[in-house]
Amino acid sequence: MNLLLFLVQFISTVPITAVLVFVLLKLVARFRRSGEAGLGLGRAVLVTGCDSGFGHRLAGALDRGGFVVFAGCLSPDGDGAQSLVRDGSGNLKVLQLDVTKEEEVQQARKTVQENLPEEGLWAVVNNAGISDWAEIEWSSLEDFRHMADVNLFGSIRTTIAFLPLVRAAKGRVVFVSSIFAFFHCLNMGAYSVSKRGLEAFADCLRVEMASFGVKVSIIQPGNFAGATNILKTKTASDIWAKLDDDRKVVFNRRYVELANDYFKSTCKTGFKTAEPVVTAMLHALTSTRPKSRYLLVSALDKVFFKLYPLLPTVFADSVFSFSSMYKTRKQMLFNQ
């Protein structure tokens, strides 16, 4: 009888509980939105890799939003940099900045420091990066070194140089990573190494900087190859020419051609606009409650990529057995 009474009372309270939860969620959402007021008017932001892609679009958006923008460009005289100068306000300054060169980073720091507004350097956005694809045996040590020098050590070099200025402003550091920092698929070995290292650095920095009031965010874009020009264009012949005789026996020409076609077609299925990434960057820079990570994939893919890092290795690796390309690879390379 007591159990029956308990059940009746419990069921009768469910609608009220549901309403209370709904109201609470609405209040939390409103509270979070209220914390997204602009923080950067009159503040300075350094963005690397502004020649094109995410960095180019972010620099323009920040300039229109009233920030003082230092746009680091590999080629200040190039079309991308010059369009920023042409279309931007007097608050946007293009800098010569190759993040792999210590002297250019230090010169950029000097220029920024000499032209800082009263509010100081609010943020550094480590956006400069390169991408390429190849199986590990198609790659050289130099391929790995070059990828890491730009994507990983370039960001570390820039961050260390500008961190005292950001710390003084209790500002932000943003890193552009990738889903390939945790999604270890075929052909992205060198890129994954550089981005996984980048996230390790950003995670350590976030913990250390919390004591100083500096917030660190990681942007994890999915397939945005069609929205930027980061993807290196190459042909099957380019790949084949790099292989020595032994590898040409293992990786036959037909397979290389199929792999190249598959990779290019996959890139075409991604996002066609950089807007989601730029929006996430702006949130990381202006919200009073920026996220530690921004996963930018389709709604359906988000479910998969949220679960993927939690899978035991044996299950994570087995995911690739569902890919038609992996099946083709196995048939062509191991049934010779």
C-alpha atoms as a PDB file:
ATOM      1  CA  MET A   1       0.000   0.000   0.000  1.00  0.00           C
ATOM      2  CA  ASN A   2       2.814   2.370   0.886  1.00  0.00           C
ATOM      3  CA  LEU A   3       4.539   1.520  -2.393  1.00  0.00           C
ATOM      4  CA  LEU A   4       1.359   2.240  -4.348  1.00  0.00           C
ATOM      5  CA  LEU A   5       0.959   5.583  -2.587  1.00  0.00           C
ATOM      6  CA  PHE A   6       4.559   6.436  -3.358  1.00  0.00           C
ATOM      7  CA  LEU A   7       4.104   5.664  -7.053  1.00  0.00           C
ATOM      8  CA  VAL A   8       0.944   7.764  -7.257  1.00  0.00           C
ATOM      9  CA  GLN A   9       2.668  10.684  -5.600  1.00  0.00           C
ATOM     10  CA  PHE A  10       5.718  10.311  -7.845  1.00  0.00           C
ATOM     11  CA  ILE A  11       3.701  10.198 -11.066  1.00  0.00           C
ATOM     12  CA  SER A  12       1.667  13.208 -10.005  1.00  0.00           C
ATOM     13  CA  THR A  13       4.856  15.228  -9.525  1.00  0.00           C
ATOM     14  CA  VAL A  14       6.397  14.403 -12.912  1.00  0.00           C
ATOM     15  CA  PRO A  15       4.644  17.184 -14.872  1.00  0.00           C
ATOM     16  CA  ILE A  16       5.615  19.744 -12.241  1.00  0.00           C
ATOM     17  CA  THR A  17       9.210  18.499 -12.258  1.00  0.00           C
ATOM     18  CA  ALA A  18       9.318  18.651 -16.032  1.00  0.00           C
ATOM     19  CA  VAL A  19       8.059  22.227 -15.996  1.00  0.00           C
ATOM     20  CA  LEU A  20      10.622  23.205 -13.371  1.00  0.00           C
ATOM     21  CA  VAL A  21      13.438  21.630 -15.380  1.00  0.00           C
ATOM     22  CA  PHE A  22      12.235  23.405 -18.528  1.00  0.00           C
ATOM     23  CA  VAL A  23      12.119  26.758 -16.759  1.00  0.00           C
ATOM     24  CA  LEU A  24      15.547  26.168 -15.242  1.00  0.00           C
ATOM     25  CA  LEU A  25      17.051  25.356 -18.636  1.00  0.00           C
ATOM     26  CA  LYS A  26      15.516  28.494 -20.113  1.00  0.00           C
ATOM     27  CA  LEU A  27      16.974  30.611 -17.314  1.00  0.00           C
ATOM     28  CA  VAL A  28      20.410  29.054 -17.780  1.00  0.00           C
ATOM     29  CA  ALA A  29      20.263  29.689 -21.537  1.00  0.00           C
ATOM     30  CA  ARG A  30      19.250  33.301 -20.958  1.00  0.00           C
ATOM     31  CA  PHE A  31      22.012  33.716 -18.390  1.00  0.00           C
ATOM     32  CA  ARG A  32      24.557  32.348 -20.820  1.00  0.00           C
ATOM     33  CA  ARG A  33      23.365  34.622 -23.599  1.00  0.00           C
ATOM     34  CA  SER A  34      23.619  37.586 -21.295  1.00  0.00           C
ATOM     35  CA  GLY A  35      27.285  36.738 -20.895  1.00  0.00           C
ATOM     36  CA  GLU A  36      27.936  37.052 -24.595  1.00  0.00           C
ATOM     37  CA  ALA A  37      28.067  40.825 -24.745  1.00  0.00           C
ATOM     38  CA  GLY A  38      30.970  42.236 -26.724  1.00  0.00           C
ATOM     39  CA  LEU A  39      34.162  42.414 -24.713  1.00  0.00           C
ATOM     40  CA  GLY A  40      36.511  43.629 -27.367  1.00  0.00           C
ATOM     41  CA  LEU A  41      35.544  47.103 -28.523  1.00  0.00           C
ATOM     42  CA  GLY A  42      38.771  49.066 -28.624  1.00  0.00           C
ATOM     43  CA  ARG A  43      40.818  45.989 -27.701  1.00  0.00           C
ATOM     44  CA  ALA A  44      43.519  44.477 -29.880  1.00  0.00           C
ATOM     45  CA  VAL A  45      43.600  40.982 -31.372  1.00  0.00           C
ATOM     46  CA  LEU A  46      46.439  39.308 -33.250  1.00  0.00           C
ATOM     47  CA  VAL A  47      45.335  36.751 -35.856  1.00  0.00           C
ATOM     48  CA  THR A  48      47.870  34.600 -37.696  1.00  0.00           C
ATOM     49  CA  GLY A  49      47.337  33.167 -41.160  1.00  0.00           C
ATOM     50  CA  CYS A  50      45.197  35.976 -42.559  1.00  0.00           C
ATOM     51  CA  ASP A  51      46.154  35.610 -46.208  1.00  0.00           C
ATOM     52  CA  SER A  52      43.031  33.500 -46.791  1.00  0.00           C
ATOM     53  CA  GLY A  53      40.558  31.114 -45.173  1.00  0.00           C
ATOM     54  CA  PHE A  54      39.399  31.378 -41.587  1.00  0.00           C
ATOM     55  CA  GLY A  55      41.985  33.969 -40.580  1.00  0.00           C
ATOM     56  CA  HIS A  56      41.158  36.280 -43.465  1.00  0.00           C
ATOM     57  CA  ARG A  57      37.442  36.210 -42.673  1.00  0.00           C
ATOM     58  CA  LEU A  58      37.988  36.560 -38.932  1.00  0.00           C
ATOM     59  CA  ALA A  59      40.243  39.601 -39.360  1.00  0.00           C
ATOM     60  CA  GLY A  60      37.538  41.344 -41.383  1.00  0.00           C
ATOM     61  CA  ALA A  61      34.798  40.426 -38.919  1.00  0.00           C
ATOM     62  CA  LEU A  62      36.838  41.684 -35.952  1.00  0.00           C
ATOM     63  CA  ASP A  63      37.621  44.922 -37.749  1.00  0.00           C
ATOM     64  CA  ARG A  64      33.937  45.493 -38.479  1.00  0.00           C
ATOM     65  CA  GLY A  65      33.207  44.744 -34.828  1.00  0.00           C
ATOM     66  CA  GLY A  66      35.408  47.576 -33.595  1.00  0.00           C
ATOM     67  CA  PHE A  67      38.515  45.648 -32.617  1.00  0.00           C
ATOM     68  CA  VAL A  68      42.048  46.776 -33.323  1.00  0.00           C
ATOM     69  CA  VAL A  69      43.252  43.976 -35.576  1.00  0.00           C
ATOM     70  CA  PHE A  70      46.817  42.861 -36.256  1.00  0.00           C
ATOM     71  CA  ALA A  71      46.508  40.522 -39.238  1.00  0.00           C
ATOM     72  CA  GLY A  72      49.571  38.323 -39.598  1.00  0.00           C
ATOM     73  CA  CYS A  73      50.139  37.381 -43.239  1.00  0.00           C
ATOM     74  CA  LEU A  74      52.721  35.215 -44.939  1.00  0.00           C
ATOM     75  CA  SER A  75      52.571  37.511 -47.974  1.00  0.00           C
ATOM     76  CA  PRO A  76      51.627  41.100 -47.003  1.00  0.00           C
ATOM     77  CA  ASP A  77      51.769  42.116 -50.666  1.00  0.00           C
ATOM     78  CA  GLY A  78      49.491  39.285 -51.771  1.00  0.00           C
ATOM     79  CA  ASP A  79      45.872  39.591 -52.860  1.00  0.00           C
ATOM     80  CA  GLY A  80      44.444  38.390 -49.536  1.00  0.00           C
ATOM     81  CA  ALA A  81      46.429  40.785 -47.380  1.00  0.00           C
ATOM     82  CA  GLN A  82      45.839  43.698 -49.724  1.00  0.00           C
ATOM     83  CA  SER A  83      42.091  43.102 -49.751  1.00  0.00           C
ATOM     84  CA  LEU A  84      42.124  43.389 -45.963  1.00  0.00           C
ATOM     85  CA  VAL A  85      43.921  46.710 -46.256  1.00  0.00           C
ATOM     86  CA  ARG A  86      41.570  47.904 -48.975  1.00  0.00           C
ATOM     87  CA  ASP A  87      38.333  46.875 -47.282  1.00  0.00           C
ATOM     88  CA  GLY A  88      39.353  47.383 -43.662  1.00  0.00           C
ATOM     89  CA  SER A  89      39.340  50.402 -41.399  1.00  0.00           C
ATOM     90  CA  GLY A  90      42.272  52.262 -39.946  1.00  0.00           C
ATOM     91  CA  ASN A  91      42.130  49.853 -37.000  1.00  0.00           C
ATOM     92  CA  LEU A  92      43.393  46.943 -39.109  1.00  0.00           C
ATOM     93  CA  LYS A  93      47.120  46.560 -39.629  1.00  0.00           C
ATOM     94  CA  VAL A  94      48.693  43.849 -41.803  1.00  0.00           C
ATOM     95  CA  LEU A  95      51.927  42.351 -40.468  1.00  0.00           C
ATOM     96  CA  GLN A  96      54.595  40.246 -42.142  1.00  0.00           C
ATOM     97  CA  LEU A  97      54.388  37.046 -40.103  1.00  0.00           C
ATOM     98  CA  ASP A  98      55.760  33.638 -40.959  1.00  0.00           C
ATOM     99  CA  VAL A  99      55.167  31.731 -37.731  1.00  0.00           C
ATOM    100  CA  THR A 100      58.069  29.370 -38.484  1.00  0.00           C
ATOM    101  CA  LYS A 101      60.567  32.250 -38.256  1.00  0.00           C
ATOM    102  CA  GLU A 102      61.534  33.508 -34.798  1.00  0.00           C
ATOM    103  CA  GLU A 103      62.778  36.846 -36.134  1.00  0.00           C
ATOM    104  CA  GLU A 104      59.436  37.600 -37.810  1.00  0.00           C
ATOM    105  CA  VAL A 105      57.489  36.650 -34.691  1.00  0.00           C
ATOM    106  CA  GLN A 106      59.667  38.938 -32.559  1.00  0.00           C
ATOM    107  CA  GLN A 107      59.343  41.787 -35.071  1.00  0.00           C
ATOM    108  CA  ALA A 108      55.563  41.331 -35.070  1.00  0.00           C
ATOM    109  CA  ARG A 109      55.571  41.458 -31.268  1.00  0.00           C
ATOM    110  CA  LYS A 110      57.522  44.718 -31.355  1.00  0.00           C
ATOM    111  CA  THR A 111      55.123  46.239 -33.890  1.00  0.00           C
ATOM    112  CA  VAL A 112      52.076  45.134 -31.914  1.00  0.00           C
ATOM    113  CA  GLN A 113      53.487  46.469 -28.658  1.00  0.00           C
ATOM    114  CA  GLU A 114      54.237  49.839 -30.250  1.00  0.00           C
ATOM    115  CA  ASN A 115      50.704  50.158 -31.621  1.00  0.00           C
ATOM    116  CA  LEU A 116      48.586  48.754 -28.807  1.00  0.00           C
ATOM    117  CA  PRO A 117      45.472  50.646 -27.746  1.00  0.00           C
ATOM    118  CA  GLU A 118      44.959  51.497 -24.088  1.00  0.00           C
ATOM    119  CA  GLU A 119      43.072  48.239 -23.481  1.00  0.00           C
ATOM    120  CA  GLY A 120      46.119  46.209 -24.515  1.00  0.00           C
ATOM    121  CA  LEU A 121      46.340  42.925 -26.423  1.00  0.00           C
ATOM    122  CA  TRP A 122      43.106  41.095 -25.726  1.00  0.00           C
ATOM    123  CA  ALA A 123      43.780  37.919 -27.683  1.00  0.00           C
ATOM    124  CA  VAL A 124      45.971  35.854 -29.955  1.00  0.00           C
ATOM    125  CA  VAL A 125      44.303  33.575 -32.495  1.00  0.00           C
ATOM    126  CA  ASN A 126      46.690  30.865 -33.648  1.00  0.00           C
ATOM    127  CA  ASN A 127      45.083  30.201 -37.005  1.00  0.00           C
ATOM    128  CA  ALA A 128      48.063  29.832 -39.363  1.00  0.00           C
ATOM    129  CA  GLY A 129      48.301  26.272 -40.591  1.00  0.00           C
ATOM    130  CA  ILE A 130      48.873  23.942 -43.492  1.00  0.00           C
ATOM    131  CA  SER A 131      47.315  20.634 -44.476  1.00  0.00           C
ATOM    132  CA  ASP A 132      48.295  17.698 -46.612  1.00  0.00           C
ATOM    133  CA  TRP A 133      47.364  14.063 -46.902  1.00  0.00           C
ATOM    134  CA  ALA A 134      49.375  10.924 -47.504  1.00  0.00           C
ATOM    135  CA  GLU A 135      49.775   7.489 -46.035  1.00  0.00           C
ATOM    136  CA  ILE A 136      52.657   7.345 -43.579  1.00  0.00           C
ATOM    137  CA  GLU A 137      54.799   5.277 -45.951  1.00  0.00           C
ATOM    138  CA  TRP A 138      54.254   7.875 -48.649  1.00  0.00           C
ATOM    139  CA  SER A 139      55.670  10.543 -46.347  1.00  0.00           C
ATOM    140  CA  SER A 140      59.205  11.531 -45.391  1.00  0.00           C
ATOM    141  CA  LEU A 141      60.496  12.742 -42.066  1.00  0.00           C
ATOM    142  CA  GLU A 142      60.699  16.181 -43.644  1.00  0.00           C
ATOM    143  CA  ASP A 143      56.964  16.044 -44.417  1.00  0.00           C
ATOM    144  CA  PHE A 144      56.239  15.457 -40.734  1.00  0.00           C
ATOM    145  CA  ARG A 145      58.737  18.090 -39.642  1.00  0.00           C
ATOM    146  CA  HIS A 146      57.328  20.760 -41.973  1.00  0.00           C
ATOM    147  CA  MET A 147      53.755  20.074 -40.877  1.00  0.00           C
ATOM    148  CA  ALA A 148      54.689  20.296 -37.204  1.00  0.00           C
ATOM    149  CA  ASP A 149      56.826  23.394 -37.697  1.00  0.00           C
ATOM    150  CA  VAL A 150      53.831  25.366 -38.960  1.00  0.00           C
ATOM    151  CA  ASN A 151      50.848  23.830 -37.165  1.00  0.00           C
ATOM    152  CA  LEU A 152      52.455  23.024 -33.813  1.00  0.00           C
ATOM    153  CA  PHE A 153      55.704  24.887 -33.233  1.00  0.00           C
ATOM    154  CA  GLY A 154      54.474  27.950 -35.105  1.00  0.00           C
ATOM    155  CA  SER A 155      51.592  28.256 -32.650  1.00  0.00           C
ATOM    156  CA  ILE A 156      53.856  27.588 -29.668  1.00  0.00           C
ATOM    157  CA  ARG A 157      56.390  30.146 -30.900  1.00  0.00           C
ATOM    158  CA  THR A 158      53.711  32.809 -31.387  1.00  0.00           C
ATOM    159  CA  THR A 159      51.951  32.078 -28.103  1.00  0.00           C
ATOM    160  CA  ILE A 160      55.116  32.255 -26.004  1.00  0.00           C
ATOM    161  CA  ALA A 161      56.105  35.564 -27.614  1.00  0.00           C
ATOM    162  CA  PHE A 162      52.747  37.281 -27.045  1.00  0.00           C
ATOM    163  CA  LEU A 163      51.599  35.594 -23.837  1.00  0.00           C
ATOM    164  CA  PRO A 164      52.894  38.299 -21.461  1.00  0.00           C
ATOM    165  CA  LEU A 165      50.764  40.889 -23.293  1.00  0.00           C
ATOM    166  CA  VAL A 166      47.651  38.695 -23.224  1.00  0.00           C
ATOM    167  CA  ARG A 167      48.226  37.828 -19.581  1.00  0.00           C
ATOM    168  CA  ALA A 168      48.427  41.512 -18.685  1.00  0.00           C
ATOM    169  CA  ALA A 169      45.000  42.032 -20.303  1.00  0.00           C
ATOM    170  CA  LYS A 170      43.562  38.830 -18.781  1.00  0.00           C
ATOM    171  CA  GLY A 171      42.506  37.998 -22.298  1.00  0.00           C
ATOM    172  CA  ARG A 172      42.198  34.985 -24.590  1.00  0.00           C
ATOM    173  CA  VAL A 173      44.301  32.540 -26.569  1.00  0.00           C
ATOM    174  CA  VAL A 174      42.552  30.620 -29.350  1.00  0.00           C
ATOM    175  CA  PHE A 175      43.967  27.654 -31.264  1.00  0.00           C
ATOM    176  CA  VAL A 176      42.613  26.307 -34.536  1.00  0.00           C
ATOM    177  CA  SER A 177      42.917  22.537 -34.349  1.00  0.00           C
ATOM    178  CA  SER A 178      40.931  19.857 -36.190  1.00  0.00           C
ATOM    179  CA  ILE A 179      38.836  16.745 -35.680  1.00  0.00           C
ATOM    180  CA  PHE A 180      41.984  14.915 -36.795  1.00  0.00           C
ATOM    181  CA  ALA A 181      43.537  15.746 -33.440  1.00  0.00           C
ATOM    182  CA  PHE A 182      41.558  12.794 -32.083  1.00  0.00           C
ATOM    183  CA  PHE A 183      40.182  11.037 -35.174  1.00  0.00           C
ATOM    184  CA  HIS A 184      43.021   8.895 -36.497  1.00  0.00           C
ATOM    185  CA  CYS A 185      41.976   7.971 -39.996  1.00  0.00           C
ATOM    186  CA  LEU A 186      43.922   6.862 -43.052  1.00  0.00           C
ATOM    187  CA  ASN A 187      46.060   9.428 -44.920  1.00  0.00           C
ATOM    188  CA  MET A 188      46.169  12.101 -42.188  1.00  0.00           C
ATOM    189  CA  GLY A 189      49.162  10.922 -40.136  1.00  0.00           C
ATOM    190  CA  ALA A 190      51.384  14.004 -40.319  1.00  0.00           C
ATOM    191  CA  TYR A 191      48.447  16.393 -39.923  1.00  0.00           C
ATOM    192  CA  SER A 192      47.069  14.448 -36.945  1.00  0.00           C
ATOM    193  CA  VAL A 193      50.452  14.448 -35.221  1.00  0.00           C
ATOM    194  CA  SER A 194      50.691  18.230 -35.501  1.00  0.00           C
ATOM    195  CA  LYS A 195      47.137  18.864 -34.317  1.00  0.00           C
ATOM    196  CA  ARG A 196      47.214  16.359 -31.455  1.00  0.00           C
ATOM    197  CA  GLY A 197      50.390  18.024 -30.213  1.00  0.00           C
ATOM    198  CA  LEU A 198      48.746  21.421 -30.582  1.00  0.00           C
ATOM    199  CA  GLU A 199      45.810  20.374 -28.405  1.00  0.00           C
ATOM    200  CA  ALA A 200      48.136  18.970 -25.748  1.00  0.00           C
ATOM    201  CA  PHE A 201      49.910  22.335 -25.632  1.00  0.00           C
ATOM    202  CA  ALA A 202      46.599  24.227 -25.495  1.00  0.00           C
ATOM    203  CA  ASP A 203      45.253  22.001 -22.706  1.00  0.00           C
ATOM    204  CA  CYS A 204      48.362  22.550 -20.599  1.00  0.00           C
ATOM    205  CA  LEU A 205      48.259  26.281 -21.299  1.00  0.00           C
ATOM    206  CA  ARG A 206      44.571  26.490 -20.302  1.00  0.00           C
ATOM    207  CA  VAL A 207      45.310  24.966 -16.891  1.00  0.00           C
ATOM    208  CA  GLU A 208      48.303  27.236 -16.272  1.00  0.00           C
ATOM    209  CA  MET A 209      46.611  30.417 -17.467  1.00  0.00           C
ATOM    210  CA  ALA A 210      43.451  29.906 -15.396  1.00  0.00           C
ATOM    211  CA  SER A 211      45.296  31.360 -12.388  1.00  0.00           C
ATOM    212  CA  PHE A 212      45.869  34.575 -14.360  1.00  0.00           C
ATOM    213  CA  GLY A 213      42.323  34.916 -15.660  1.00  0.00           C
ATOM    214  CA  VAL A 214      43.336  34.060 -19.247  1.00  0.00           C
ATOM    215  CA  LYS A 215      40.921  31.778 -21.107  1.00  0.00           C
ATOM    216  CA  VAL A 216      42.092  29.291 -23.727  1.00  0.00           C
ATOM    217  CA  SER A 217      39.855  27.811 -26.429  1.00  0.00           C
ATOM    218  CA  ILE A 218      40.376  25.156 -29.084  1.00  0.00           C
ATOM    219  CA  ILE A 219      38.499  25.284 -32.389  1.00  0.00           C
ATOM    220  CA  GLN A 220      37.974  21.825 -33.950  1.00  0.00           C
ATOM    221  CA  PRO A 221      36.712  22.183 -37.541  1.00  0.00           C
ATOM    222  CA  GLY A 222      35.556  19.168 -39.477  1.00  0.00           C
ATOM    223  CA  ASN A 223      35.577  19.069 -43.272  1.00  0.00           C
ATOM    224  CA  PHE A 224      35.965  22.712 -44.356  1.00  0.00           C
ATOM    225  CA  ALA A 225      38.338  22.017 -47.239  1.00  0.00           C
ATOM    226  CA  GLY A 226      35.836  23.473 -49.712  1.00  0.00           C
ATOM    227  CA  ALA A 227      35.542  26.679 -47.689  1.00  0.00           C
ATOM    228  CA  THR A 228      39.276  27.392 -47.538  1.00  0.00           C
ATOM    229  CA  ASN A 229      42.340  26.830 -49.649  1.00  0.00           C
ATOM    230  CA  ILE A 230      44.249  24.954 -46.940  1.00  0.00           C
ATOM    231  CA  LEU A 231      44.167  21.653 -48.808  1.00  0.00           C
ATOM    232  CA  LYS A 232      47.280  21.021 -50.854  1.00  0.00           C
ATOM    233  CA  THR A 233      46.401  20.086 -54.428  1.00  0.00           C
ATOM    234  CA  LYS A 234      48.308  17.156 -55.896  1.00  0.00           C
ATOM    235  CA  THR A 235      47.817  14.406 -58.409  1.00  0.00           C
ATOM    236  CA  ALA A 236      48.312  10.658 -58.272  1.00  0.00           C
ATOM    237  CA  SER A 237      51.425  11.205 -60.386  1.00  0.00           C
ATOM    238  CA  ASP A 238      52.847  13.528 -57.730  1.00  0.00           C
ATOM    239  CA  ILE A 239      52.370  10.857 -55.090  1.00  0.00           C
ATOM    240  CA  TRP A 240      53.714   8.065 -57.287  1.00  0.00           C
ATOM    241  CA  ALA A 241      56.864  10.035 -58.099  1.00  0.00           C
ATOM    242  CA  LYS A 242      57.777  10.248 -54.391  1.00  0.00           C
ATOM    243  CA  LEU A 243      57.662   6.481 -53.834  1.00  0.00           C
ATOM    244  CA  ASP A 244      60.783   4.345 -54.075  1.00  0.00           C
ATOM    245  CA  ASP A 245      60.807   1.088 -56.005  1.00  0.00           C
ATOM    246  CA  ASP A 246      59.953  -1.083 -53.001  1.00  0.00           C
ATOM    247  CA  ARG A 247      56.892   0.974 -52.118  1.00  0.00           C
ATOM    248  CA  LYS A 248      55.758   1.053 -55.711  1.00  0.00           C
ATOM    249  CA  VAL A 249      55.541  -2.729 -55.507  1.00  0.00           C
ATOM    250  CA  VAL A 250      53.429  -2.585 -52.332  1.00  0.00           C
ATOM    251  CA  PHE A 251      51.294   0.434 -53.275  1.00  0.00           C
ATOM    252  CA  ASN A 252      50.407  -0.145 -56.904  1.00  0.00           C
ATOM    253  CA  ARG A 253      49.644   2.768 -59.227  1.00  0.00           C
ATOM    254  CA  ARG A 254      45.943   1.913 -59.492  1.00  0.00           C
ATOM    255  CA  TYR A 255      45.488   2.073 -55.728  1.00  0.00           C
ATOM    256  CA  VAL A 256      47.258   5.435 -55.529  1.00  0.00           C
ATOM    257  CA  GLU A 257      44.907   6.795 -58.183  1.00  0.00           C
ATOM    258  CA  LEU A 258      41.813   5.505 -56.373  1.00  0.00           C
ATOM    259  CA  ALA A 259      43.030   6.895 -53.042  1.00  0.00           C
ATOM    260  CA  ASN A 260      43.647  10.295 -54.594  1.00  0.00           C
ATOM    261  CA  ASP A 261      40.208  10.373 -56.231  1.00  0.00           C
ATOM    262  CA  TYR A 262      38.506   9.259 -53.022  1.00  0.00           C
ATOM    263  CA  PHE A 263      40.234  11.909 -50.929  1.00  0.00           C
ATOM    264  CA  LYS A 264      39.377  14.715 -53.345  1.00  0.00           C
ATOM    265  CA  SER A 265      35.738  13.631 -53.572  1.00  0.00           C
ATOM    266  CA  THR A 266      35.465  13.426 -49.771  1.00  0.00           C
ATOM    267  CA  CYS A 267      36.734  16.997 -49.415  1.00  0.00           C
ATOM    268  CA  LYS A 268      34.016  18.206 -51.781  1.00  0.00           C
ATOM    269  CA  THR A 269      31.278  16.877 -49.468  1.00  0.00           C
ATOM    270  CA  GLY A 270      32.160  19.211 -46.599  1.00  0.00           C
ATOM    271  CA  PHE A 271      31.079  22.718 -45.619  1.00  0.00           C
ATOM    272  CA  LYS A 272      31.068  25.305 -48.391  1.00  0.00           C
ATOM    273  CA  THR A 273      31.311  28.303 -46.081  1.00  0.00           C
ATOM    274  CA  ALA A 274      33.684  29.223 -43.269  1.00  0.00           C
ATOM    275  CA  GLU A 275      30.935  30.981 -41.303  1.00  0.00           C
ATOM    276  CA  PRO A 276      30.520  28.314 -38.562  1.00  0.00           C
ATOM    277  CA  VAL A 277      34.226  28.458 -37.748  1.00  0.00           C
ATOM    278  CA  VAL A 278      34.395  32.254 -37.757  1.00  0.00           C
ATOM    279  CA  THR A 279      31.284  32.403 -35.552  1.00  0.00           C
ATOM    280  CA  ALA A 280      32.918  30.016 -33.071  1.00  0.00           C
ATOM    281  CA  MET A 281      36.094  32.107 -33.070  1.00  0.00           C
ATOM    282  CA  LEU A 282      34.111  35.257 -32.353  1.00  0.00           C
ATOM    283  CA  HIS A 283      32.315  33.524 -29.485  1.00  0.00           C
ATOM    284  CA  ALA A 284      35.638  32.378 -28.039  1.00  0.00           C
ATOM    285  CA  LEU A 285      36.887  35.977 -28.203  1.00  0.00           C
ATOM    286  CA  THR A 286      33.821  37.879 -27.010  1.00  0.00           C
ATOM    287  CA  SER A 287      31.786  35.647 -24.715  1.00  0.00           C
ATOM    288  CA  THR A 288      32.292  35.961 -20.976  1.00  0.00           C
ATOM    289  CA  ARG A 289      31.957  32.169 -20.934  1.00  0.00           C
ATOM    290  CA  PRO A 290      33.945  30.858 -23.906  1.00  0.00           C
ATOM    291  CA  LYS A 291      34.034  27.107 -24.421  1.00  0.00           C
ATOM    292  CA  SER A 292      37.207  25.114 -23.978  1.00  0.00           C
ATOM    293  CA  ARG A 293      36.447  23.323 -27.253  1.00  0.00           C
ATOM    294  CA  TYR A 294      34.270  24.101 -30.254  1.00  0.00           C
ATOM    295  CA  LEU A 295      33.485  20.997 -32.316  1.00  0.00           C
ATOM    296  CA  LEU A 296      32.329  22.187 -35.732  1.00  0.00           C
ATOM    297  CA  VAL A 297      30.773  19.354 -37.703  1.00  0.00           C
ATOM    298  CA  SER A 298      27.273  18.528 -38.929  1.00  0.00           C
ATOM    299  CA  ALA A 299      24.612  17.689 -36.353  1.00  0.00           C
ATOM    300  CA  LEU A 300      24.752  14.008 -37.248  1.00  0.00           C
ATOM    301  CA  ASP A 301      28.539  13.878 -37.205  1.00  0.00           C
ATOM    302  CA  LYS A 302      28.612  15.628 -33.837  1.00  0.00           C
ATOM    303  CA  VAL A 303      26.996  12.605 -32.174  1.00  0.00           C
ATOM    304  CA  PHE A 304      29.645  10.332 -33.695  1.00  0.00           C
ATOM    305  CA  PHE A 305      32.613  12.567 -32.878  1.00  0.00           C
ATOM    306  CA  LYS A 306      31.446  13.094 -29.301  1.00  0.00           C
ATOM    307  CA  LEU A 307      31.359   9.335 -28.776  1.00  0.00           C
ATOM    308  CA  TYR A 308      34.421   8.347 -30.810  1.00  0.00           C
ATOM    309  CA  PRO A 309      37.119   9.434 -28.282  1.00  0.00           C
ATOM    310  CA  LEU A 310      35.325   7.392 -25.595  1.00  0.00           C
ATOM    311  CA  LEU A 311      35.461   4.122 -27.533  1.00  0.00           C
ATOM    312  CA  PRO A 312      37.989   1.421 -26.581  1.00  0.00           C
ATOM    313  CA  THR A 313      40.785   1.310 -29.152  1.00  0.00           C
ATOM    314  CA  VAL A 314      39.634  -1.967 -30.671  1.00  0.00           C
ATOM    315  CA  PHE A 315      36.200  -0.473 -31.391  1.00  0.00           C
ATOM    316  CA  ALA A 316      37.580   2.889 -32.541  1.00  0.00           C
ATOM    317  CA  ASP A 317      39.809   1.139 -35.062  1.00  0.00           C
ATOM    318  CA  SER A 318      37.036  -1.155 -36.252  1.00  0.00           C
ATOM    319  CA  VAL A 319      34.950   1.869 -37.286  1.00  0.00           C
ATOM    320  CA  PHE A 320      37.052   2.108 -40.427  1.00  0.00           C
ATOM    321  CA  SER A 321      36.054  -1.370 -41.562  1.00  0.00           C
ATOM    322  CA  PHE A 322      32.718   0.171 -42.630  1.00  0.00           C
ATOM    323  CA  SER A 323      34.444   2.448 -45.146  1.00  0.00           C
ATOM    324  CA  SER A 324      34.314   1.329 -48.773  1.00  0.00           C
ATOM    325  CA  MET A 325      37.774   2.805 -49.327  1.00  0.00           C
ATOM    326  CA  TYR A 326      39.295   0.763 -46.521  1.00  0.00           C
ATOM    327  CA  LYS A 327      37.773  -2.388 -47.986  1.00  0.00           C
ATOM    328  CA  THR A 328      39.139  -1.493 -51.403  1.00  0.00           C
ATOM    329  CA  ARG A 329      42.564  -0.838 -49.895  1.00  0.00           C
ATOM    330  CA  LYS A 330      42.644  -4.222 -48.212  1.00  0.00           C
ATOM    331  CA  GLN A 331      41.576  -6.032 -51.369  1.00  0.00           C
ATOM    332  CA  MET A 332      44.037  -4.235 -53.634  1.00  0.00           C
ATOM    333  CA  LEU A 333      47.068  -4.322 -51.362  1.00  0.00           C
ATOM    334  CA  PHE A 334      46.794  -7.679 -49.664  1.00  0.00           C
ATOM    335  CA  ASN A 335      45.359  -9.844 -52.431  1.00  0.00           C
ATOM    336  CA  GLN A 336      48.155  -9.183 -54.859  1.00  0.00           C
END
